[in-house]
Amino acid sequence: MSEAKRNQHKRGQIIRMLSALYPSSATKSQLISGMQGYGMNVTADIDRHLAYLIDKEYVKGDLKAELVTLTAKGVDLVEGIIEDQGLIL
């Protein structure tokens, strides 16, 4: 699997995890632990994936505070109202 596909899967998994918690937030530590449960190691690049999702406005939060929340646009993505080739749900 290419690096791009791995990144798309990781971003999709982050969105799915946040969707399960919506409207509550998650810490980066919680996301990392959850991802490891799916066999995905994101410890080194979680900030990069979250920054991408924040830039796309699917997630809101402060990386320094380590707390992130799915946005309404992120919910629309999960529900298939909008599509994005940058991640795989």
N, C-alpha and C. Protein backbone atom coordinates (compact mmCIF):
# COMPACT_ATOMS: atom_id res chain seq x y z
N MET A 1 0.85 -1.18 0.00
CA MET A 1 0.00 0.00 0.00
C MET A 1 0.89 1.24 0.00
N SER A 2 0.53 2.21 -0.80
CA SER A 2 1.33 3.43 -0.90
C SER A 2 1.19 4.28 0.36
N GLU A 3 2.14 5.16 0.54
CA GLU A 3 2.12 6.08 1.68
C GLU A 3 0.86 6.94 1.65
N ALA A 4 0.46 7.40 0.48
CA ALA A 4 -0.75 8.23 0.34
C ALA A 4 -1.98 7.46 0.82
N LYS A 5 -2.11 6.21 0.42
CA LYS A 5 -3.25 5.38 0.84
C LYS A 5 -3.24 5.16 2.35
N ARG A 6 -2.06 4.91 2.92
CA ARG A 6 -1.96 4.74 4.38
C ARG A 6 -2.43 6.00 5.09
N ASN A 7 -2.01 7.16 4.58
CA ASN A 7 -2.42 8.42 5.19
C ASN A 7 -3.93 8.62 5.07
N GLN A 8 -4.49 8.27 3.93
CA GLN A 8 -5.94 8.40 3.73
C GLN A 8 -6.70 7.51 4.72
N HIS A 9 -6.20 6.30 4.93
CA HIS A 9 -6.84 5.39 5.88
C HIS A 9 -6.72 5.91 7.32
N LYS A 10 -5.55 6.43 7.67
CA LYS A 10 -5.36 6.95 9.02
C LYS A 10 -6.27 8.14 9.28
N ARG A 11 -6.36 9.06 8.32
CA ARG A 11 -7.25 10.21 8.50
C ARG A 11 -8.70 9.78 8.59
N GLY A 12 -9.08 8.80 7.80
CA GLY A 12 -10.44 8.28 7.86
C GLY A 12 -10.75 7.65 9.20
N GLN A 13 -9.79 6.92 9.74
CA GLN A 13 -10.00 6.29 11.05
C GLN A 13 -10.13 7.34 12.15
N ILE A 14 -9.35 8.40 12.08
CA ILE A 14 -9.47 9.49 13.06
C ILE A 14 -10.88 10.08 13.00
N ILE A 15 -11.37 10.32 11.80
CA ILE A 15 -12.72 10.87 11.63
C ILE A 15 -13.76 9.91 12.21
N ARG A 16 -13.64 8.62 11.93
CA ARG A 16 -14.60 7.63 12.46
C ARG A 16 -14.59 7.60 13.98
N MET A 17 -13.40 7.68 14.57
CA MET A 17 -13.30 7.65 16.02
C MET A 17 -13.95 8.89 16.62
N LEU A 18 -13.69 10.05 16.04
CA LEU A 18 -14.30 11.28 16.55
C LEU A 18 -15.81 11.28 16.33
N SER A 19 -16.25 10.65 15.25
CA SER A 19 -17.68 10.56 14.97
C SER A 19 -18.39 9.77 16.07
N ALA A 20 -17.76 8.72 16.55
CA ALA A 20 -18.35 7.90 17.61
C ALA A 20 -18.49 8.68 18.92
N LEU A 21 -17.68 9.69 19.10
CA LEU A 21 -17.71 10.50 20.32
C LEU A 21 -18.54 11.78 20.18
N TYR A 22 -18.88 12.15 18.96
CA TYR A 22 -19.54 13.42 18.70
C TYR A 22 -20.80 13.57 19.54
N PRO A 23 -21.01 14.71 20.20
CA PRO A 23 -20.30 15.99 20.08
C PRO A 23 -19.16 16.17 21.08
N SER A 24 -18.80 15.11 21.78
CA SER A 24 -17.70 15.22 22.74
C SER A 24 -16.36 15.27 22.02
N SER A 25 -15.34 15.63 22.76
CA SER A 25 -13.98 15.75 22.23
C SER A 25 -13.15 14.53 22.60
N ALA A 26 -11.98 14.45 22.00
CA ALA A 26 -11.00 13.41 22.33
C ALA A 26 -9.63 14.06 22.43
N THR A 27 -8.78 13.46 23.22
CA THR A 27 -7.40 13.92 23.31
C THR A 27 -6.58 13.19 22.24
N LYS A 28 -5.44 13.76 21.95
CA LYS A 28 -4.54 13.08 21.00
C LYS A 28 -4.14 11.72 21.54
N SER A 29 -3.94 11.62 22.84
CA SER A 29 -3.57 10.34 23.44
C SER A 29 -4.65 9.29 23.23
N GLN A 30 -5.91 9.69 23.37
CA GLN A 30 -7.02 8.76 23.14
C GLN A 30 -7.04 8.29 21.69
N LEU A 31 -6.83 9.22 20.77
CA LEU A 31 -6.81 8.87 19.35
C LEU A 31 -5.66 7.92 19.03
N ILE A 32 -4.50 8.20 19.57
CA ILE A 32 -3.33 7.34 19.33
C ILE A 32 -3.61 5.93 19.85
N SER A 33 -4.16 5.83 21.05
CA SER A 33 -4.47 4.51 21.62
C SER A 33 -5.50 3.77 20.79
N GLY A 34 -6.53 4.48 20.37
CA GLY A 34 -7.55 3.87 19.54
C GLY A 34 -7.00 3.40 18.20
N MET A 35 -6.14 4.19 17.60
CA MET A 35 -5.55 3.83 16.32
C MET A 35 -4.65 2.59 16.48
N GLN A 36 -3.92 2.52 17.57
CA GLN A 36 -3.07 1.37 17.81
C GLN A 36 -3.91 0.10 17.94
N GLY A 37 -5.12 0.24 18.47
CA GLY A 37 -6.03 -0.89 18.55
C GLY A 37 -6.43 -1.43 17.19
N TYR A 38 -6.35 -0.58 16.17
CA TYR A 38 -6.64 -0.99 14.80
C TYR A 38 -5.36 -1.33 14.03
N GLY A 39 -4.24 -1.39 14.73
CA GLY A 39 -2.97 -1.73 14.09
C GLY A 39 -2.33 -0.60 13.33
N MET A 40 -2.76 0.65 13.64
CA MET A 40 -2.20 1.82 12.95
C MET A 40 -1.34 2.61 13.92
N ASN A 41 -0.07 2.75 13.59
CA ASN A 41 0.82 3.53 14.43
C ASN A 41 0.86 4.97 13.93
N VAL A 42 0.31 5.88 14.71
CA VAL A 42 0.29 7.29 14.32
C VAL A 42 0.99 8.19 15.33
N THR A 43 1.69 7.59 16.27
CA THR A 43 2.32 8.38 17.33
C THR A 43 3.19 9.49 16.77
N ALA A 44 4.00 9.19 15.77
CA ALA A 44 4.94 10.18 15.23
C ALA A 44 4.27 11.22 14.34
N ASP A 45 3.12 10.89 13.75
CA ASP A 45 2.54 11.82 12.78
C ASP A 45 1.09 12.23 13.08
N ILE A 46 0.64 12.06 14.32
CA ILE A 46 -0.74 12.44 14.66
C ILE A 46 -0.97 13.93 14.43
N ASP A 47 0.00 14.78 14.77
CA ASP A 47 -0.18 16.22 14.57
C ASP A 47 -0.36 16.56 13.09
N ARG A 48 0.36 15.89 12.24
CA ARG A 48 0.25 16.14 10.80
C ARG A 48 -1.14 15.77 10.29
N HIS A 49 -1.65 14.62 10.73
CA HIS A 49 -2.98 14.19 10.30
C HIS A 49 -4.07 15.11 10.86
N LEU A 50 -3.93 15.49 12.12
CA LEU A 50 -4.93 16.39 12.71
C LEU A 50 -4.86 17.77 12.07
N ALA A 51 -3.68 18.27 11.77
CA ALA A 51 -3.56 19.57 11.11
C ALA A 51 -4.26 19.54 9.76
N TYR A 52 -4.11 18.46 9.02
CA TYR A 52 -4.79 18.30 7.73
C TYR A 52 -6.30 18.36 7.93
N LEU A 53 -6.81 17.61 8.91
CA LEU A 53 -8.25 17.57 9.16
C LEU A 53 -8.78 18.90 9.67
N ILE A 54 -7.97 19.61 10.45
CA ILE A 54 -8.36 20.95 10.92
C ILE A 54 -8.39 21.91 9.73
N ASP A 55 -7.38 21.85 8.87
CA ASP A 55 -7.35 22.72 7.68
C ASP A 55 -8.57 22.48 6.79
N LYS A 56 -9.02 21.23 6.71
CA LYS A 56 -10.19 20.90 5.91
C LYS A 56 -11.51 21.22 6.62
N GLU A 57 -11.41 21.65 7.88
CA GLU A 57 -12.55 22.02 8.72
C GLU A 57 -13.44 20.83 9.08
N TYR A 58 -12.87 19.62 9.09
CA TYR A 58 -13.60 18.45 9.54
C TYR A 58 -13.46 18.28 11.06
N VAL A 59 -12.41 18.86 11.59
CA VAL A 59 -12.08 18.75 13.01
C VAL A 59 -11.74 20.14 13.52
N LYS A 60 -12.11 20.42 14.74
CA LYS A 60 -11.68 21.68 15.37
C LYS A 60 -10.94 21.34 16.64
N GLY A 61 -10.02 22.20 16.98
CA GLY A 61 -9.27 21.99 18.21
C GLY A 61 -7.95 22.71 18.18
N ASP A 62 -7.26 22.56 19.26
CA ASP A 62 -5.97 23.20 19.45
C ASP A 62 -4.95 22.10 19.68
N LEU A 63 -4.03 21.94 18.75
CA LEU A 63 -3.05 20.87 18.88
C LEU A 63 -2.19 21.03 20.12
N LYS A 64 -1.98 22.26 20.56
CA LYS A 64 -1.20 22.49 21.78
C LYS A 64 -1.97 22.04 23.01
N ALA A 65 -3.29 22.21 22.98
CA ALA A 65 -4.13 21.78 24.10
C ALA A 65 -4.43 20.28 24.01
N GLU A 66 -4.17 19.70 22.84
CA GLU A 66 -4.32 18.27 22.59
C GLU A 66 -5.76 17.78 22.63
N LEU A 67 -6.73 18.65 22.42
CA LEU A 67 -8.13 18.26 22.44
C LEU A 67 -8.76 18.60 21.10
N VAL A 68 -9.42 17.62 20.46
CA VAL A 68 -10.04 17.84 19.16
C VAL A 68 -11.47 17.31 19.16
N THR A 69 -12.30 17.92 18.30
CA THR A 69 -13.71 17.58 18.19
C THR A 69 -14.09 17.56 16.72
N LEU A 70 -14.96 16.64 16.36
CA LEU A 70 -15.50 16.60 15.00
C LEU A 70 -16.42 17.81 14.81
N THR A 71 -16.40 18.40 13.63
CA THR A 71 -17.28 19.52 13.32
C THR A 71 -18.52 19.02 12.59
N ALA A 72 -19.47 19.92 12.37
CA ALA A 72 -20.67 19.57 11.59
C ALA A 72 -20.27 19.13 10.18
N LYS A 73 -19.26 19.77 9.62
CA LYS A 73 -18.77 19.38 8.29
C LYS A 73 -18.19 17.97 8.33
N GLY A 74 -17.53 17.63 9.44
CA GLY A 74 -17.02 16.28 9.61
C GLY A 74 -18.14 15.25 9.70
N VAL A 75 -19.22 15.61 10.35
CA VAL A 75 -20.39 14.72 10.43
C VAL A 75 -20.96 14.52 9.02
N ASP A 76 -21.05 15.61 8.25
CA ASP A 76 -21.53 15.50 6.87
C ASP A 76 -20.66 14.54 6.06
N LEU A 77 -19.37 14.58 6.29
CA LEU A 77 -18.44 13.68 5.60
C LEU A 77 -18.73 12.23 5.97
N VAL A 78 -18.88 11.97 7.25
CA VAL A 78 -19.16 10.61 7.72
C VAL A 78 -20.48 10.10 7.16
N GLU A 79 -21.46 10.98 7.08
CA GLU A 79 -22.79 10.58 6.62
C GLU A 79 -22.91 10.53 5.10
N GLY A 80 -21.83 10.85 4.40
CA GLY A 80 -21.82 10.76 2.95
C GLY A 80 -22.46 11.94 2.23
N ILE A 81 -22.76 13.00 2.96
CA ILE A 81 -23.34 14.20 2.35
C ILE A 81 -22.30 14.90 1.49
N ILE A 82 -21.05 14.88 1.96
CA ILE A 82 -19.93 15.41 1.17
C ILE A 82 -18.89 14.31 1.03
N GLU A 83 -18.05 14.41 0.03
CA GLU A 83 -16.98 13.43 -0.20
C GLU A 83 -15.64 14.15 -0.26
N ASP A 84 -14.58 13.41 0.05
CA ASP A 84 -13.23 13.96 0.00
C ASP A 84 -12.28 12.83 -0.36
N GLN A 85 -11.52 13.02 -1.43
CA GLN A 85 -10.57 12.01 -1.87
C GLN A 85 -9.34 11.93 -0.97
N GLY A 86 -9.20 12.88 -0.03
CA GLY A 86 -8.04 12.92 0.84
C GLY A 86 -8.10 11.98 2.02
N LEU A 87 -9.22 11.27 2.15
CA LEU A 87 -9.32 10.28 3.22
C LEU A 87 -10.26 9.18 2.83
N ILE A 88 -10.10 8.05 3.48
CA ILE A 88 -10.93 6.88 3.20
C ILE A 88 -11.67 6.51 4.46
N LEU A 89 -12.99 6.56 4.38
CA LEU A 89 -13.81 6.19 5.55
C LEU A 89 -14.18 4.73 5.52
